[in-house]
Amino acid sequence: YMVSQKLHDNVYITIDLDVFDPAILPSTGTPEPDGLYYREVLNFLKLINERHNIIGLDVVELCPNEINKSSDFLASKLIYQILSMRYQNQ
């Protein structure tokens, strides 16, 4: 979380879904064993939101899977929660 101290006031966030552990997000281009979990990423993003002005974001590396839609739901929930954090007091 020390990274947050080095950022400018305005930040653009790119979330590469490969960062998540494949146990919770298997549908990605390059699954990484021992990746991060949802709460870890969300807590970091909350910290960024508290200390900085998020001016935009993108989410990359989702490979939709017709059989298992859990990755799609996780990605959309993450986007929803980031936008909710960003605009909750406006």
C-alpha atoms as a PDB file:
ATOM      1  CA  TYR A   1       0.000   0.000   0.000  1.00  0.00           C
ATOM      2  CA  MET A   2       3.063   2.213  -0.015  1.00  0.00           C
ATOM      3  CA  VAL A   3       2.471   2.608  -3.751  1.00  0.00           C
ATOM      4  CA  SER A   4      -0.430   4.917  -2.921  1.00  0.00           C
ATOM      5  CA  GLN A   5       1.975   7.466  -1.434  1.00  0.00           C
ATOM      6  CA  LYS A   6       3.880   7.777  -4.722  1.00  0.00           C
ATOM      7  CA  LEU A   7       0.874   8.503  -6.934  1.00  0.00           C
ATOM      8  CA  HIS A   8      -0.239  11.890  -8.210  1.00  0.00           C
ATOM      9  CA  ASP A   9      -3.563  13.373  -7.104  1.00  0.00           C
ATOM     10  CA  ASN A  10      -5.340  12.261 -10.299  1.00  0.00           C
ATOM     11  CA  VAL A  11      -4.991   8.572 -11.128  1.00  0.00           C
ATOM     12  CA  TYR A  12      -6.125   6.317 -13.953  1.00  0.00           C
ATOM     13  CA  ILE A  13      -6.517   2.676 -12.950  1.00  0.00           C
ATOM     14  CA  THR A  14      -6.026  -0.364 -15.165  1.00  0.00           C
ATOM     15  CA  ILE A  15      -7.040  -3.661 -13.619  1.00  0.00           C
ATOM     16  CA  ASP A  16      -5.616  -6.714 -15.355  1.00  0.00           C
ATOM     17  CA  LEU A  17      -7.829  -9.591 -14.250  1.00  0.00           C
ATOM     18  CA  ASP A  18      -4.820 -11.929 -14.436  1.00  0.00           C
ATOM     19  CA  VAL A  19      -3.948 -10.579 -10.971  1.00  0.00           C
ATOM     20  CA  PHE A  20      -6.757 -12.638  -9.417  1.00  0.00           C
ATOM     21  CA  ASP A  21      -6.232 -16.185  -8.258  1.00  0.00           C
ATOM     22  CA  PRO A  22      -7.679 -18.628 -10.831  1.00  0.00           C
ATOM     23  CA  ALA A  23      -9.735 -20.214  -8.052  1.00  0.00           C
ATOM     24  CA  ILE A  24     -11.976 -17.125  -8.093  1.00  0.00           C
ATOM     25  CA  LEU A  25     -11.441 -15.891 -11.665  1.00  0.00           C
ATOM     26  CA  PRO A  26     -10.523 -18.736 -14.034  1.00  0.00           C
ATOM     27  CA  SER A  27     -11.608 -17.060 -17.289  1.00  0.00           C
ATOM     28  CA  THR A  28      -8.626 -14.894 -18.094  1.00  0.00           C
ATOM     29  CA  GLY A  29      -5.944 -14.886 -20.760  1.00  0.00           C
ATOM     30  CA  THR A  30      -3.082 -15.825 -18.450  1.00  0.00           C
ATOM     31  CA  PRO A  31      -4.228 -17.401 -15.170  1.00  0.00           C
ATOM     32  CA  GLU A  32      -1.656 -16.872 -12.409  1.00  0.00           C
ATOM     33  CA  PRO A  33      -1.554 -19.397  -9.565  1.00  0.00           C
ATOM     34  CA  ASP A  34      -1.417 -17.854  -6.092  1.00  0.00           C
ATOM     35  CA  GLY A  35      -2.970 -14.619  -7.319  1.00  0.00           C
ATOM     36  CA  LEU A  36      -4.818 -12.027  -5.280  1.00  0.00           C
ATOM     37  CA  TYR A  37      -8.296 -12.397  -3.846  1.00  0.00           C
ATOM     38  CA  TYR A  38     -11.236 -10.059  -4.361  1.00  0.00           C
ATOM     39  CA  ARG A  39     -11.101  -8.401  -0.908  1.00  0.00           C
ATOM     40  CA  GLU A  40      -7.367  -7.683  -1.243  1.00  0.00           C
ATOM     41  CA  VAL A  41      -7.891  -5.866  -4.525  1.00  0.00           C
ATOM     42  CA  LEU A  42     -11.008  -4.063  -3.329  1.00  0.00           C
ATOM     43  CA  ASN A  43      -9.314  -2.871  -0.118  1.00  0.00           C
ATOM     44  CA  PHE A  44      -6.388  -1.508  -2.130  1.00  0.00           C
ATOM     45  CA  LEU A  45      -8.771   0.293  -4.483  1.00  0.00           C
ATOM     46  CA  LYS A  46     -10.648   1.763  -1.502  1.00  0.00           C
ATOM     47  CA  LEU A  47      -7.355   3.162  -0.223  1.00  0.00           C
ATOM     48  CA  ILE A  48      -6.583   4.667  -3.632  1.00  0.00           C
ATOM     49  CA  ASN A  49     -10.065   6.188  -3.764  1.00  0.00           C
ATOM     50  CA  GLU A  50      -9.669   7.735  -0.289  1.00  0.00           C
ATOM     51  CA  ARG A  51      -6.302   9.316  -1.087  1.00  0.00           C
ATOM     52  CA  HIS A  52      -6.614  10.176  -4.774  1.00  0.00           C
ATOM     53  CA  ASN A  53      -9.003  11.321  -7.486  1.00  0.00           C
ATOM     54  CA  ILE A  54      -9.798   8.405  -9.796  1.00  0.00           C
ATOM     55  CA  ILE A  55     -10.277   9.990 -13.221  1.00  0.00           C
ATOM     56  CA  GLY A  56     -10.866   6.783 -15.175  1.00  0.00           C
ATOM     57  CA  LEU A  57     -10.379   3.051 -15.261  1.00  0.00           C
ATOM     58  CA  ASP A  58     -10.339   0.031 -17.482  1.00  0.00           C
ATOM     59  CA  VAL A  59     -10.517  -3.681 -16.829  1.00  0.00           C
ATOM     60  CA  VAL A  60      -8.660  -6.038 -19.159  1.00  0.00           C
ATOM     61  CA  GLU A  61      -8.016  -9.747 -19.797  1.00  0.00           C
ATOM     62  CA  LEU A  62     -11.489 -11.184 -19.260  1.00  0.00           C
ATOM     63  CA  CYS A  63     -12.035 -14.212 -21.495  1.00  0.00           C
ATOM     64  CA  PRO A  64     -15.771 -14.925 -21.209  1.00  0.00           C
ATOM     65  CA  ASN A  65     -16.628 -18.570 -20.759  1.00  0.00           C
ATOM     66  CA  GLU A  66     -20.096 -19.809 -21.742  1.00  0.00           C
ATOM     67  CA  ILE A  67     -19.988 -22.665 -19.234  1.00  0.00           C
ATOM     68  CA  ASN A  68     -18.813 -20.740 -16.151  1.00  0.00           C
ATOM     69  CA  LYS A  69     -19.935 -17.121 -15.840  1.00  0.00           C
ATOM     70  CA  SER A  70     -18.438 -16.513 -12.372  1.00  0.00           C
ATOM     71  CA  SER A  71     -15.518 -14.555 -13.848  1.00  0.00           C
ATOM     72  CA  ASP A  72     -17.928 -12.278 -15.720  1.00  0.00           C
ATOM     73  CA  PHE A  73     -19.834 -11.574 -12.513  1.00  0.00           C
ATOM     74  CA  LEU A  74     -16.670 -10.885 -10.522  1.00  0.00           C
ATOM     75  CA  ALA A  75     -15.413  -8.421 -13.140  1.00  0.00           C
ATOM     76  CA  SER A  76     -18.742  -6.600 -13.362  1.00  0.00           C
ATOM     77  CA  LYS A  77     -19.094  -6.480  -9.561  1.00  0.00           C
ATOM     78  CA  LEU A  78     -15.597  -5.007  -9.273  1.00  0.00           C
ATOM     79  CA  ILE A  79     -16.402  -2.282 -11.813  1.00  0.00           C
ATOM     80  CA  TYR A  80     -19.704  -1.551 -10.052  1.00  0.00           C
ATOM     81  CA  GLN A  81     -18.016  -1.254  -6.666  1.00  0.00           C
ATOM     82  CA  ILE A  82     -15.259   1.025  -7.954  1.00  0.00           C
ATOM     83  CA  LEU A  83     -17.801   3.342  -9.568  1.00  0.00           C
ATOM     84  CA  SER A  84     -19.930   3.283  -6.412  1.00  0.00           C
ATOM     85  CA  MET A  85     -16.913   4.220  -4.269  1.00  0.00           C
ATOM     86  CA  ARG A  86     -15.912   6.961  -6.656  1.00  0.00           C
ATOM     87  CA  TYR A  87     -19.323   8.634  -6.882  1.00  0.00           C
ATOM     88  CA  GLN A  88     -20.932   7.835  -3.511  1.00  0.00           C
ATOM     89  CA  ASN A  89     -20.624  11.395  -2.158  1.00  0.00           C
ATOM     90  CA  GLN A  90     -21.654  13.262  -5.286  1.00  0.00           C
END
